[in-house]
Amino acid sequence: MNHEFYMNLAIDEAWKYQLLTYPNPAVGCVILDKNGKILSIEAHKEAGKAHAELEAVSKALKVLNPNLDLPQNPNDLHEFICKNHQGLLKGSIVYVSLEPCNHQGKTPPCAKLFSTLGFSEVFIATKDEHKLASGGAEFLKNQGIKIHMGICEQRAKELLKPFLKWQKSSFKFFKLALSLNGSAYGKIVSSKASRTYAHALRSKLDLLVVGGETIRHDRPILDARLAQDKAPNLCILSHQNLESFDLKIPLFSVPEREIFTSIPSEAKFIMYEGGENFLKAFKDELDMLLIFSSSNLNTFENVKLDMKLKPLYKGFLENDTYGFYEIVKS
């Protein structure tokens, strides 16, 4: 059995929800039945919602018994499954990108769930170093379940980098939208699906950082309306003070929004938005780059940047591609 193949499925699924899980880590999980058939590929989608393991278990059980009426609340779902699993997943195999948690937080411990369901083997990409959540692998081992640690460990650690960074200090990334020929210019560059995803990210931020030139030229609102969620607080970096801006620009009318002229120390999750010059100015401060590339060509000049990037994940949104890149510091 190709264990790396199944673990990569779990990691790729987690990347689809990377950063949307703030302040939690992005985690993916794959469940196979005892014969090696894939039953579910799931991920943790949002803080307060079911962990990846619980999502994958509930999906697998629905595949095996479509008549199960599963609760939505994670705590209720965990309790229901533990009482009504009917042994359907006994002997199954699990691949999870992060060691299953072993503590009661907003949701119950996933290690206990695996033990109750009678899984035969658990493959784990990387150990959880968090003192409160760790210990799941040891718990499962003591329950007689075979544990395999370190499958695709490097990719799993790359997936965890934002979580580890915002736990200790702050995680800063830049969102850049480009046409197929590499231009960042034009009124609307990316598809509605890409913009909706970007709005969903905005809604999770502690702070969105933009430049004064962009505000004056584009007169944006910079909210999260496409995701139907809350607008982010803003930091406007400009050589001129806020009083110099036209207050009729829509972003100034967003309710309950705080606007700063420097980055507050308490901000842990920070996104920069802008074009080529803004990226050049702050590239040395960034941890990651998120690039949306549309399927359209335009007549504007291409972005020219001297940056070394390491691709971490690429996906599709409608006709666009998007990717996360680690900035390689020289």
C-alpha atoms as a PDB file:
ATOM      1  CA  MET A   1       0.000   0.000   0.000  1.00  0.00           C
ATOM      2  CA  ASN A   2       1.330   3.444  -0.943  1.00  0.00           C
ATOM      3  CA  HIS A   3       1.091   5.278   2.370  1.00  0.00           C
ATOM      4  CA  GLU A   4       2.568   8.500   0.951  1.00  0.00           C
ATOM      5  CA  PHE A   5      -0.217   8.645  -1.646  1.00  0.00           C
ATOM      6  CA  TYR A   6      -2.978   8.579   0.982  1.00  0.00           C
ATOM      7  CA  MET A   7      -1.168  10.996   3.283  1.00  0.00           C
ATOM      8  CA  ASN A   8      -0.724  13.445   0.417  1.00  0.00           C
ATOM      9  CA  LEU A   9      -4.486  13.270  -0.180  1.00  0.00           C
ATOM     10  CA  ALA A  10      -5.005  14.296   3.460  1.00  0.00           C
ATOM     11  CA  ILE A  11      -2.451  17.118   3.265  1.00  0.00           C
ATOM     12  CA  ASP A  12      -3.828  18.463  -0.022  1.00  0.00           C
ATOM     13  CA  GLU A  13      -7.337  18.516   1.448  1.00  0.00           C
ATOM     14  CA  ALA A  14      -6.064  20.508   4.415  1.00  0.00           C
ATOM     15  CA  TRP A  15      -4.406  23.062   2.127  1.00  0.00           C
ATOM     16  CA  LYS A  16      -7.844  23.874   0.675  1.00  0.00           C
ATOM     17  CA  TYR A  17      -8.743  25.349   4.084  1.00  0.00           C
ATOM     18  CA  GLN A  18      -5.316  26.753   4.964  1.00  0.00           C
ATOM     19  CA  LEU A  19      -5.626  29.997   6.992  1.00  0.00           C
ATOM     20  CA  LEU A  20      -9.440  29.697   7.118  1.00  0.00           C
ATOM     21  CA  THR A  21      -8.986  27.637  10.299  1.00  0.00           C
ATOM     22  CA  TYR A  22      -7.316  30.483  12.242  1.00  0.00           C
ATOM     23  CA  PRO A  23      -6.404  30.283  15.121  1.00  0.00           C
ATOM     24  CA  ASN A  24      -6.417  26.476  14.669  1.00  0.00           C
ATOM     25  CA  PRO A  25      -4.038  24.546  12.412  1.00  0.00           C
ATOM     26  CA  ALA A  26      -5.070  23.213   9.002  1.00  0.00           C
ATOM     27  CA  VAL A  27      -5.435  19.416   9.271  1.00  0.00           C
ATOM     28  CA  GLY A  28      -6.505  16.742   6.781  1.00  0.00           C
ATOM     29  CA  CYS A  29      -7.692  13.165   7.277  1.00  0.00           C
ATOM     30  CA  VAL A  30      -8.326  10.153   5.012  1.00  0.00           C
ATOM     31  CA  ILE A  31     -10.159   6.975   6.088  1.00  0.00           C
ATOM     32  CA  LEU A  32      -9.879   3.620   4.317  1.00  0.00           C
ATOM     33  CA  ASP A  33     -11.957   0.570   5.101  1.00  0.00           C
ATOM     34  CA  LYS A  34     -10.244  -2.666   6.139  1.00  0.00           C
ATOM     35  CA  ASN A  35      -9.957  -3.639   2.451  1.00  0.00           C
ATOM     36  CA  GLY A  36      -8.185  -0.410   1.480  1.00  0.00           C
ATOM     37  CA  LYS A  37     -11.130   1.385  -0.150  1.00  0.00           C
ATOM     38  CA  ILE A  38     -11.269   5.156   0.425  1.00  0.00           C
ATOM     39  CA  LEU A  39     -14.331   6.078   2.480  1.00  0.00           C
ATOM     40  CA  SER A  40     -13.647   9.782   3.098  1.00  0.00           C
ATOM     41  CA  ILE A  41     -11.196  12.634   2.524  1.00  0.00           C
ATOM     42  CA  GLU A  42     -11.915  15.548   4.841  1.00  0.00           C
ATOM     43  CA  ALA A  43     -10.309  18.529   6.591  1.00  0.00           C
ATOM     44  CA  HIS A  44     -10.850  20.879   9.489  1.00  0.00           C
ATOM     45  CA  LYS A  45     -12.682  23.799   7.904  1.00  0.00           C
ATOM     46  CA  GLU A  46     -13.090  26.472  10.575  1.00  0.00           C
ATOM     47  CA  ALA A  47     -12.298  27.066  14.249  1.00  0.00           C
ATOM     48  CA  GLY A  48     -15.147  25.788  16.425  1.00  0.00           C
ATOM     49  CA  LYS A  49     -16.282  23.285  13.804  1.00  0.00           C
ATOM     50  CA  ALA A  50     -15.479  19.578  13.716  1.00  0.00           C
ATOM     51  CA  HIS A  51     -11.836  18.574  13.551  1.00  0.00           C
ATOM     52  CA  ALA A  52     -10.623  16.823  10.402  1.00  0.00           C
ATOM     53  CA  GLU A  53     -10.836  13.417  12.078  1.00  0.00           C
ATOM     54  CA  LEU A  54     -14.449  13.883  13.162  1.00  0.00           C
ATOM     55  CA  GLU A  55     -15.368  15.242   9.700  1.00  0.00           C
ATOM     56  CA  ALA A  56     -13.786  12.196   8.050  1.00  0.00           C
ATOM     57  CA  VAL A  57     -15.413   9.723  10.445  1.00  0.00           C
ATOM     58  CA  SER A  58     -18.889  11.211   9.976  1.00  0.00           C
ATOM     59  CA  LYS A  59     -18.504  11.176   6.174  1.00  0.00           C
ATOM     60  CA  ALA A  60     -17.262   7.557   6.239  1.00  0.00           C
ATOM     61  CA  LEU A  61     -20.173   6.450   8.396  1.00  0.00           C
ATOM     62  CA  LYS A  62     -22.654   8.135   6.038  1.00  0.00           C
ATOM     63  CA  VAL A  63     -21.083   6.238   3.135  1.00  0.00           C
ATOM     64  CA  LEU A  64     -21.551   2.962   4.984  1.00  0.00           C
ATOM     65  CA  ASN A  65     -24.985   3.834   6.386  1.00  0.00           C
ATOM     66  CA  PRO A  66     -26.732   6.658   4.469  1.00  0.00           C
ATOM     67  CA  ASN A  67     -29.689   6.518   6.872  1.00  0.00           C
ATOM     68  CA  LEU A  68     -27.646   7.857   9.802  1.00  0.00           C
ATOM     69  CA  ASP A  69     -29.029  11.217  10.962  1.00  0.00           C
ATOM     70  CA  LEU A  70     -25.905  12.918  12.258  1.00  0.00           C
ATOM     71  CA  PRO A  71     -26.001  16.047  14.476  1.00  0.00           C
ATOM     72  CA  GLN A  72     -24.254  19.221  13.287  1.00  0.00           C
ATOM     73  CA  ASN A  73     -22.758  20.384  16.582  1.00  0.00           C
ATOM     74  CA  PRO A  74     -19.244  18.860  16.957  1.00  0.00           C
ATOM     75  CA  ASN A  75     -19.731  17.836  20.588  1.00  0.00           C
ATOM     76  CA  ASP A  76     -23.120  16.261  19.873  1.00  0.00           C
ATOM     77  CA  LEU A  77     -21.714  14.608  16.741  1.00  0.00           C
ATOM     78  CA  HIS A  78     -18.796  13.091  18.649  1.00  0.00           C
ATOM     79  CA  GLU A  79     -21.105  11.730  21.369  1.00  0.00           C
ATOM     80  CA  PHE A  80     -23.618  10.381  18.838  1.00  0.00           C
ATOM     81  CA  ILE A  81     -20.951   8.540  16.847  1.00  0.00           C
ATOM     82  CA  CYS A  82     -19.388   6.987  19.953  1.00  0.00           C
ATOM     83  CA  LYS A  83     -22.796   5.586  20.912  1.00  0.00           C
ATOM     84  CA  ASN A  84     -24.164   4.671  17.465  1.00  0.00           C
ATOM     85  CA  HIS A  85     -21.210   3.690  15.253  1.00  0.00           C
ATOM     86  CA  GLN A  86     -22.435   0.034  15.078  1.00  0.00           C
ATOM     87  CA  GLY A  87     -18.855  -1.161  14.563  1.00  0.00           C
ATOM     88  CA  LEU A  88     -19.001  -0.033  10.936  1.00  0.00           C
ATOM     89  CA  LEU A  89     -15.432   1.294  10.952  1.00  0.00           C
ATOM     90  CA  LYS A  90     -13.823  -1.502  12.973  1.00  0.00           C
ATOM     91  CA  GLY A  91     -10.491  -2.449  11.403  1.00  0.00           C
ATOM     92  CA  SER A  92     -10.338   0.686   9.236  1.00  0.00           C
ATOM     93  CA  ILE A  93      -7.143   2.630   8.505  1.00  0.00           C
ATOM     94  CA  VAL A  94      -6.637   6.351   9.061  1.00  0.00           C
ATOM     95  CA  TYR A  95      -4.177   8.865   7.593  1.00  0.00           C
ATOM     96  CA  VAL A  96      -4.013  12.214   9.386  1.00  0.00           C
ATOM     97  CA  SER A  97      -1.635  15.116   8.774  1.00  0.00           C
ATOM     98  CA  LEU A  98      -1.256  15.982  12.479  1.00  0.00           C
ATOM     99  CA  GLU A  99      -1.220  13.785  15.576  1.00  0.00           C
ATOM    100  CA  PRO A 100      -4.835  13.432  16.814  1.00  0.00           C
ATOM    101  CA  CYS A 101      -5.579  15.653  19.794  1.00  0.00           C
ATOM    102  CA  ASN A 102      -5.863  14.054  23.219  1.00  0.00           C
ATOM    103  CA  HIS A 103      -7.700  16.754  25.165  1.00  0.00           C
ATOM    104  CA  GLN A 104     -11.159  18.245  25.516  1.00  0.00           C
ATOM    105  CA  GLY A 105     -11.180  21.704  23.967  1.00  0.00           C
ATOM    106  CA  LYS A 106     -14.090  23.275  22.097  1.00  0.00           C
ATOM    107  CA  THR A 107     -14.469  19.806  20.586  1.00  0.00           C
ATOM    108  CA  PRO A 108     -13.809  16.339  22.136  1.00  0.00           C
ATOM    109  CA  PRO A 109     -10.491  14.453  21.729  1.00  0.00           C
ATOM    110  CA  CYS A 110     -10.043  12.773  18.344  1.00  0.00           C
ATOM    111  CA  ALA A 111      -7.754  10.100  19.823  1.00  0.00           C
ATOM    112  CA  LYS A 112     -10.645   8.838  21.941  1.00  0.00           C
ATOM    113  CA  LEU A 113     -12.867   8.747  18.847  1.00  0.00           C
ATOM    114  CA  PHE A 114     -10.390   6.547  16.959  1.00  0.00           C
ATOM    115  CA  SER A 115     -10.075   4.200  19.918  1.00  0.00           C
ATOM    116  CA  THR A 116     -13.843   3.872  20.379  1.00  0.00           C
ATOM    117  CA  LEU A 117     -14.402   3.079  16.697  1.00  0.00           C
ATOM    118  CA  GLY A 118     -11.807   0.312  16.692  1.00  0.00           C
ATOM    119  CA  PHE A 119      -9.425   1.480  13.970  1.00  0.00           C
ATOM    120  CA  SER A 120      -6.600  -0.972  13.329  1.00  0.00           C
ATOM    121  CA  GLU A 121      -3.884   1.436  12.158  1.00  0.00           C
ATOM    122  CA  VAL A 122      -3.294   5.191  12.301  1.00  0.00           C
ATOM    123  CA  PHE A 123      -0.714   6.860  10.051  1.00  0.00           C
ATOM    124  CA  ILE A 124       0.399  10.287  11.280  1.00  0.00           C
ATOM    125  CA  ALA A 125       2.448  12.776   9.272  1.00  0.00           C
ATOM    126  CA  THR A 126       3.860  14.820  12.140  1.00  0.00           C
ATOM    127  CA  LYS A 127       3.718  14.980  15.916  1.00  0.00           C
ATOM    128  CA  ASP A 128       1.705  17.665  17.696  1.00  0.00           C
ATOM    129  CA  GLU A 129       4.171  19.655  19.795  1.00  0.00           C
ATOM    130  CA  HIS A 130       1.420  21.575  21.621  1.00  0.00           C
ATOM    131  CA  LYS A 131       1.648  20.556  25.285  1.00  0.00           C
ATOM    132  CA  LEU A 132      -2.109  20.528  25.826  1.00  0.00           C
ATOM    133  CA  ALA A 133      -3.134  18.697  22.631  1.00  0.00           C
ATOM    134  CA  SER A 134      -0.266  16.208  22.261  1.00  0.00           C
ATOM    135  CA  GLY A 135      -0.218  12.610  23.435  1.00  0.00           C
ATOM    136  CA  GLY A 136      -2.793  11.200  21.045  1.00  0.00           C
ATOM    137  CA  ALA A 137      -0.377   8.766  19.425  1.00  0.00           C
ATOM    138  CA  GLU A 138       0.741   7.350  22.766  1.00  0.00           C
ATOM    139  CA  PHE A 139      -2.862   7.018  23.917  1.00  0.00           C
ATOM    140  CA  LEU A 140      -3.821   5.088  20.770  1.00  0.00           C
ATOM    141  CA  LYS A 141      -0.756   2.883  21.014  1.00  0.00           C
ATOM    142  CA  ASN A 142      -1.746   1.972  24.557  1.00  0.00           C
ATOM    143  CA  GLN A 143      -5.177   0.989  23.211  1.00  0.00           C
ATOM    144  CA  GLY A 144      -3.544  -1.588  20.938  1.00  0.00           C
ATOM    145  CA  ILE A 145      -3.763   0.438  17.722  1.00  0.00           C
ATOM    146  CA  LYS A 146      -0.765   0.355  15.378  1.00  0.00           C
ATOM    147  CA  ILE A 147       0.779   3.817  15.012  1.00  0.00           C
ATOM    148  CA  HIS A 148       3.013   4.916  12.138  1.00  0.00           C
ATOM    149  CA  MET A 149       4.643   8.340  12.546  1.00  0.00           C
ATOM    150  CA  GLY A 150       6.455  10.546  10.031  1.00  0.00           C
ATOM    151  CA  ILE A 151       4.681   9.803   6.715  1.00  0.00           C
ATOM    152  CA  CYS A 152       5.215  12.869   4.443  1.00  0.00           C
ATOM    153  CA  GLU A 153       6.506  14.731   7.485  1.00  0.00           C
ATOM    154  CA  GLN A 154       8.140  17.595   5.568  1.00  0.00           C
ATOM    155  CA  ARG A 155       4.908  18.502   3.744  1.00  0.00           C
ATOM    156  CA  ALA A 156       2.960  18.278   6.995  1.00  0.00           C
ATOM    157  CA  LYS A 157       5.372  20.667   8.688  1.00  0.00           C
ATOM    158  CA  GLU A 158       5.023  23.125   5.804  1.00  0.00           C
ATOM    159  CA  LEU A 159       1.254  22.950   6.259  1.00  0.00           C
ATOM    160  CA  LEU A 160       1.686  23.789   9.961  1.00  0.00           C
ATOM    161  CA  LYS A 161       3.991  26.794   9.510  1.00  0.00           C
ATOM    162  CA  PRO A 162       1.283  29.501   9.671  1.00  0.00           C
ATOM    163  CA  PHE A 163      -0.171  27.967  12.852  1.00  0.00           C
ATOM    164  CA  LEU A 164       3.224  27.728  14.541  1.00  0.00           C
ATOM    165  CA  LYS A 165       4.080  31.288  13.519  1.00  0.00           C
ATOM    166  CA  TRP A 166       0.898  32.988  14.755  1.00  0.00           C
ATOM    167  CA  GLN A 167       1.122  31.081  18.031  1.00  0.00           C
ATOM    168  CA  LYS A 168       4.509  32.630  18.820  1.00  0.00           C
ATOM    169  CA  SER A 169       4.399  35.994  17.049  1.00  0.00           C
ATOM    170  CA  SER A 170       2.584  36.945  13.834  1.00  0.00           C
ATOM    171  CA  PHE A 171       2.056  35.365  10.435  1.00  0.00           C
ATOM    172  CA  LYS A 172       2.187  37.742   7.468  1.00  0.00           C
ATOM    173  CA  PHE A 173       1.265  36.857   3.906  1.00  0.00           C
ATOM    174  CA  PHE A 174       0.636  38.774   0.697  1.00  0.00           C
ATOM    175  CA  LYS A 175      -2.300  38.194  -1.651  1.00  0.00           C
ATOM    176  CA  LEU A 176      -1.550  38.921  -5.294  1.00  0.00           C
ATOM    177  CA  ALA A 177      -3.948  38.516  -8.234  1.00  0.00           C
ATOM    178  CA  LEU A 178      -2.416  38.134 -11.692  1.00  0.00           C
ATOM    179  CA  SER A 179      -3.670  37.661 -15.231  1.00  0.00           C
ATOM    180  CA  LEU A 180      -2.470  34.625 -17.173  1.00  0.00           C
ATOM    181  CA  ASN A 181       0.350  36.707 -18.655  1.00  0.00           C
ATOM    182  CA  GLY A 182       1.490  37.894 -15.225  1.00  0.00           C
ATOM    183  CA  SER A 183      -0.093  41.345 -14.963  1.00  0.00           C
ATOM    184  CA  ALA A 184      -1.556  42.633 -11.688  1.00  0.00           C
ATOM    185  CA  TYR A 185      -3.314  45.535 -13.387  1.00  0.00           C
ATOM    186  CA  GLY A 186      -6.916  45.885 -14.484  1.00  0.00           C
ATOM    187  CA  LYS A 187     -10.178  46.484 -12.667  1.00  0.00           C
ATOM    188  CA  ILE A 188     -11.080  42.816 -12.019  1.00  0.00           C
ATOM    189  CA  VAL A 189      -8.292  40.303 -12.521  1.00  0.00           C
ATOM    190  CA  SER A 190      -9.561  37.105 -10.897  1.00  0.00           C
ATOM    191  CA  SER A 191     -12.820  35.117 -11.008  1.00  0.00           C
ATOM    192  CA  LYS A 192     -15.708  35.472  -8.577  1.00  0.00           C
ATOM    193  CA  ALA A 193     -14.728  32.148  -6.948  1.00  0.00           C
ATOM    194  CA  SER A 194     -11.213  33.470  -6.310  1.00  0.00           C
ATOM    195  CA  ARG A 195     -12.546  36.744  -4.953  1.00  0.00           C
ATOM    196  CA  THR A 196     -15.010  34.899  -2.701  1.00  0.00           C
ATOM    197  CA  TYR A 197     -12.165  32.819  -1.298  1.00  0.00           C
ATOM    198  CA  ALA A 198     -10.102  35.975  -0.735  1.00  0.00           C
ATOM    199  CA  HIS A 199     -13.088  37.551   1.079  1.00  0.00           C
ATOM    200  CA  ALA A 200     -13.372  34.448   3.282  1.00  0.00           C
ATOM    201  CA  LEU A 201      -9.710  34.889   4.208  1.00  0.00           C
ATOM    202  CA  ARG A 202     -10.298  38.578   4.941  1.00  0.00           C
ATOM    203  CA  SER A 203     -13.038  37.662   7.406  1.00  0.00           C
ATOM    204  CA  LYS A 204     -10.570  35.606   9.499  1.00  0.00           C
ATOM    205  CA  LEU A 205      -7.823  38.224   9.680  1.00  0.00           C
ATOM    206  CA  ASP A 206      -6.691  40.244  12.622  1.00  0.00           C
ATOM    207  CA  LEU A 207      -5.582  42.893  10.145  1.00  0.00           C
ATOM    208  CA  LEU A 208      -5.594  43.698   6.425  1.00  0.00           C
ATOM    209  CA  VAL A 209      -2.699  45.930   5.341  1.00  0.00           C
ATOM    210  CA  VAL A 210      -3.069  48.142   2.268  1.00  0.00           C
ATOM    211  CA  GLY A 211      -1.261  51.099   0.752  1.00  0.00           C
ATOM    212  CA  GLY A 212      -2.560  54.640   0.458  1.00  0.00           C
ATOM    213  CA  GLU A 213      -1.995  54.728  -3.307  1.00  0.00           C
ATOM    214  CA  THR A 214      -4.319  51.744  -3.825  1.00  0.00           C
ATOM    215  CA  ILE A 215      -7.035  53.392  -1.748  1.00  0.00           C
ATOM    216  CA  ARG A 216      -6.879  56.683  -3.627  1.00  0.00           C
ATOM    217  CA  HIS A 217      -6.800  55.045  -7.044  1.00  0.00           C
ATOM    218  CA  ASP A 218      -9.269  52.139  -6.596  1.00  0.00           C
ATOM    219  CA  ARG A 219     -11.572  53.636  -3.911  1.00  0.00           C
ATOM    220  CA  PRO A 220     -12.321  50.127  -2.552  1.00  0.00           C
ATOM    221  CA  ILE A 221     -14.532  48.895   0.275  1.00  0.00           C
ATOM    222  CA  LEU A 222     -12.205  46.003   1.295  1.00  0.00           C
ATOM    223  CA  ASP A 223     -14.883  44.007   3.081  1.00  0.00           C
ATOM    224  CA  ALA A 224     -15.879  40.319   3.060  1.00  0.00           C
ATOM    225  CA  ARG A 225     -19.287  40.663   1.396  1.00  0.00           C
ATOM    226  CA  LEU A 226     -18.793  37.813  -1.102  1.00  0.00           C
ATOM    227  CA  ALA A 227     -18.240  35.454   1.838  1.00  0.00           C
ATOM    228  CA  GLN A 228     -21.141  37.105   3.703  1.00  0.00           C
ATOM    229  CA  ASP A 229     -18.900  37.634   6.696  1.00  0.00           C
ATOM    230  CA  LYS A 230     -17.352  40.392   8.794  1.00  0.00           C
ATOM    231  CA  ALA A 231     -15.020  42.944   7.255  1.00  0.00           C
ATOM    232  CA  PRO A 232     -11.427  43.053   8.475  1.00  0.00           C
ATOM    233  CA  ASN A 233      -9.801  45.845  10.418  1.00  0.00           C
ATOM    234  CA  LEU A 234      -7.407  47.850   8.254  1.00  0.00           C
ATOM    235  CA  CYS A 235      -3.914  49.232   8.475  1.00  0.00           C
ATOM    236  CA  ILE A 236      -3.309  51.945   5.873  1.00  0.00           C
ATOM    237  CA  LEU A 237       0.369  52.534   5.178  1.00  0.00           C
ATOM    238  CA  SER A 238       0.822  55.915   3.579  1.00  0.00           C
ATOM    239  CA  HIS A 239       3.175  58.892   3.576  1.00  0.00           C
ATOM    240  CA  GLN A 240       0.117  61.055   4.232  1.00  0.00           C
ATOM    241  CA  ASN A 241      -2.104  61.011   7.318  1.00  0.00           C
ATOM    242  CA  LEU A 242      -5.676  59.678   7.326  1.00  0.00           C
ATOM    243  CA  GLU A 243      -7.166  63.175   7.231  1.00  0.00           C
ATOM    244  CA  SER A 244      -5.839  63.569   3.694  1.00  0.00           C
ATOM    245  CA  PHE A 245      -8.073  60.769   2.339  1.00  0.00           C
ATOM    246  CA  ASP A 246     -11.504  61.334   0.854  1.00  0.00           C
ATOM    247  CA  LEU A 247     -13.753  59.929   3.587  1.00  0.00           C
ATOM    248  CA  LYS A 248     -16.387  59.121   0.949  1.00  0.00           C
ATOM    249  CA  ILE A 249     -14.217  56.201  -0.146  1.00  0.00           C
ATOM    250  CA  PRO A 250     -16.382  53.152   0.802  1.00  0.00           C
ATOM    251  CA  LEU A 251     -13.880  51.467   3.137  1.00  0.00           C
ATOM    252  CA  PHE A 252     -14.260  54.303   5.636  1.00  0.00           C
ATOM    253  CA  SER A 253     -18.014  53.630   5.987  1.00  0.00           C
ATOM    254  CA  VAL A 254     -17.779  49.963   7.042  1.00  0.00           C
ATOM    255  CA  PRO A 255     -19.430  49.573  10.492  1.00  0.00           C
ATOM    256  CA  GLU A 256     -17.361  48.465  13.516  1.00  0.00           C
ATOM    257  CA  ARG A 257     -14.121  48.630  11.573  1.00  0.00           C
ATOM    258  CA  GLU A 258     -10.930  49.867  13.199  1.00  0.00           C
ATOM    259  CA  ILE A 259      -8.402  51.644  11.008  1.00  0.00           C
ATOM    260  CA  PHE A 260      -4.744  51.912  11.975  1.00  0.00           C
ATOM    261  CA  THR A 261      -1.754  53.692  10.449  1.00  0.00           C
ATOM    262  CA  SER A 262       0.756  51.188  11.855  1.00  0.00           C
ATOM    263  CA  ILE A 263       0.527  47.487  12.620  1.00  0.00           C
ATOM    264  CA  PRO A 264      -0.598  46.899  16.230  1.00  0.00           C
ATOM    265  CA  SER A 265       1.531  44.436  18.206  1.00  0.00           C
ATOM    266  CA  GLU A 266      -1.464  42.246  19.106  1.00  0.00           C
ATOM    267  CA  ALA A 267      -2.227  41.394  15.450  1.00  0.00           C
ATOM    268  CA  LYS A 268      -1.265  37.747  14.847  1.00  0.00           C
ATOM    269  CA  PHE A 269      -2.789  36.979  11.438  1.00  0.00           C
ATOM    270  CA  ILE A 270      -2.035  39.643   8.836  1.00  0.00           C
ATOM    271  CA  MET A 271      -2.669  39.826   5.093  1.00  0.00           C
ATOM    272  CA  TYR A 272      -1.169  42.413   2.739  1.00  0.00           C
ATOM    273  CA  GLU A 273      -3.054  43.322  -0.436  1.00  0.00           C
ATOM    274  CA  GLY A 274      -1.740  45.404  -3.282  1.00  0.00           C
ATOM    275  CA  GLY A 275       0.320  45.431  -6.417  1.00  0.00           C
ATOM    276  CA  GLU A 276       3.921  45.123  -7.488  1.00  0.00           C
ATOM    277  CA  ASN A 277       5.331  48.147  -5.671  1.00  0.00           C
ATOM    278  CA  PHE A 278       3.595  47.319  -2.400  1.00  0.00           C
ATOM    279  CA  LEU A 279       4.928  43.760  -2.544  1.00  0.00           C
ATOM    280  CA  LYS A 280       8.448  45.006  -3.277  1.00  0.00           C
ATOM    281  CA  ALA A 281       8.313  47.292  -0.250  1.00  0.00           C
ATOM    282  CA  PHE A 282       7.369  44.561   2.244  1.00  0.00           C
ATOM    283  CA  LYS A 283       8.635  41.290   0.745  1.00  0.00           C
ATOM    284  CA  ASP A 284      11.317  40.896   3.430  1.00  0.00           C
ATOM    285  CA  GLU A 285       8.665  40.952   6.188  1.00  0.00           C
ATOM    286  CA  LEU A 286       6.447  38.255   4.665  1.00  0.00           C
ATOM    287  CA  ASP A 287       6.173  34.552   5.505  1.00  0.00           C
ATOM    288  CA  MET A 288       4.155  33.418   2.498  1.00  0.00           C
ATOM    289  CA  LEU A 289       2.686  34.534  -0.797  1.00  0.00           C
ATOM    290  CA  LEU A 290      -0.796  33.638  -2.090  1.00  0.00           C
ATOM    291  CA  ILE A 291      -1.072  34.105  -5.853  1.00  0.00           C
ATOM    292  CA  PHE A 292      -4.293  33.924  -7.847  1.00  0.00           C
ATOM    293  CA  SER A 293      -3.759  33.472 -11.589  1.00  0.00           C
ATOM    294  CA  SER A 294      -6.726  33.985 -13.897  1.00  0.00           C
ATOM    295  CA  SER A 295      -7.245  32.316 -17.260  1.00  0.00           C
ATOM    296  CA  ASN A 296      -7.487  35.723 -18.953  1.00  0.00           C
ATOM    297  CA  LEU A 297      -4.848  37.731 -20.772  1.00  0.00           C
ATOM    298  CA  ASN A 298      -4.721  41.505 -20.625  1.00  0.00           C
ATOM    299  CA  THR A 299      -2.705  44.266 -22.279  1.00  0.00           C
ATOM    300  CA  PHE A 300      -1.100  45.652 -19.115  1.00  0.00           C
ATOM    301  CA  GLU A 301       2.556  45.340 -18.219  1.00  0.00           C
ATOM    302  CA  ASN A 302       3.690  42.215 -16.364  1.00  0.00           C
ATOM    303  CA  VAL A 303       4.819  42.225 -12.753  1.00  0.00           C
ATOM    304  CA  LYS A 304       8.612  42.209 -12.456  1.00  0.00           C
ATOM    305  CA  LEU A 305       9.929  40.975  -9.116  1.00  0.00           C
ATOM    306  CA  ASP A 306      13.218  39.465  -8.026  1.00  0.00           C
ATOM    307  CA  MET A 307      11.929  36.842  -5.570  1.00  0.00           C
ATOM    308  CA  LYS A 308      12.687  33.178  -5.002  1.00  0.00           C
ATOM    309  CA  LEU A 309       9.557  31.175  -4.202  1.00  0.00           C
ATOM    310  CA  LYS A 310       9.019  27.592  -3.086  1.00  0.00           C
ATOM    311  CA  PRO A 311       5.616  26.219  -4.189  1.00  0.00           C
ATOM    312  CA  LEU A 312       3.686  24.618  -1.331  1.00  0.00           C
ATOM    313  CA  TYR A 313       0.264  23.929  -2.858  1.00  0.00           C
ATOM    314  CA  LYS A 314      -1.676  24.703  -6.044  1.00  0.00           C
ATOM    315  CA  GLY A 315      -5.428  24.442  -6.558  1.00  0.00           C
ATOM    316  CA  PHE A 316      -8.269  25.562  -8.833  1.00  0.00           C
ATOM    317  CA  LEU A 317     -11.125  28.030  -8.352  1.00  0.00           C
ATOM    318  CA  GLU A 318     -13.441  28.087 -11.385  1.00  0.00           C
ATOM    319  CA  ASN A 319     -11.073  28.889 -14.279  1.00  0.00           C
ATOM    320  CA  ASP A 320      -8.392  30.343 -12.021  1.00  0.00           C
ATOM    321  CA  THR A 321      -5.450  28.645 -10.392  1.00  0.00           C
ATOM    322  CA  TYR A 322      -4.146  29.699  -7.006  1.00  0.00           C
ATOM    323  CA  GLY A 323      -1.127  28.730  -5.015  1.00  0.00           C
ATOM    324  CA  PHE A 324       0.672  29.189  -1.723  1.00  0.00           C
ATOM    325  CA  TYR A 325       4.378  29.930  -1.934  1.00  0.00           C
ATOM    326  CA  GLU A 326       7.028  30.128   0.731  1.00  0.00           C
ATOM    327  CA  ILE A 327       9.337  33.098   0.246  1.00  0.00           C
ATOM    328  CA  VAL A 328      12.904  31.820   0.199  1.00  0.00           C
ATOM    329  CA  LYS A 329      15.017  34.305   2.144  1.00  0.00           C
ATOM    330  CA  SER A 330      18.533  34.743   0.752  1.00  0.00           C
END
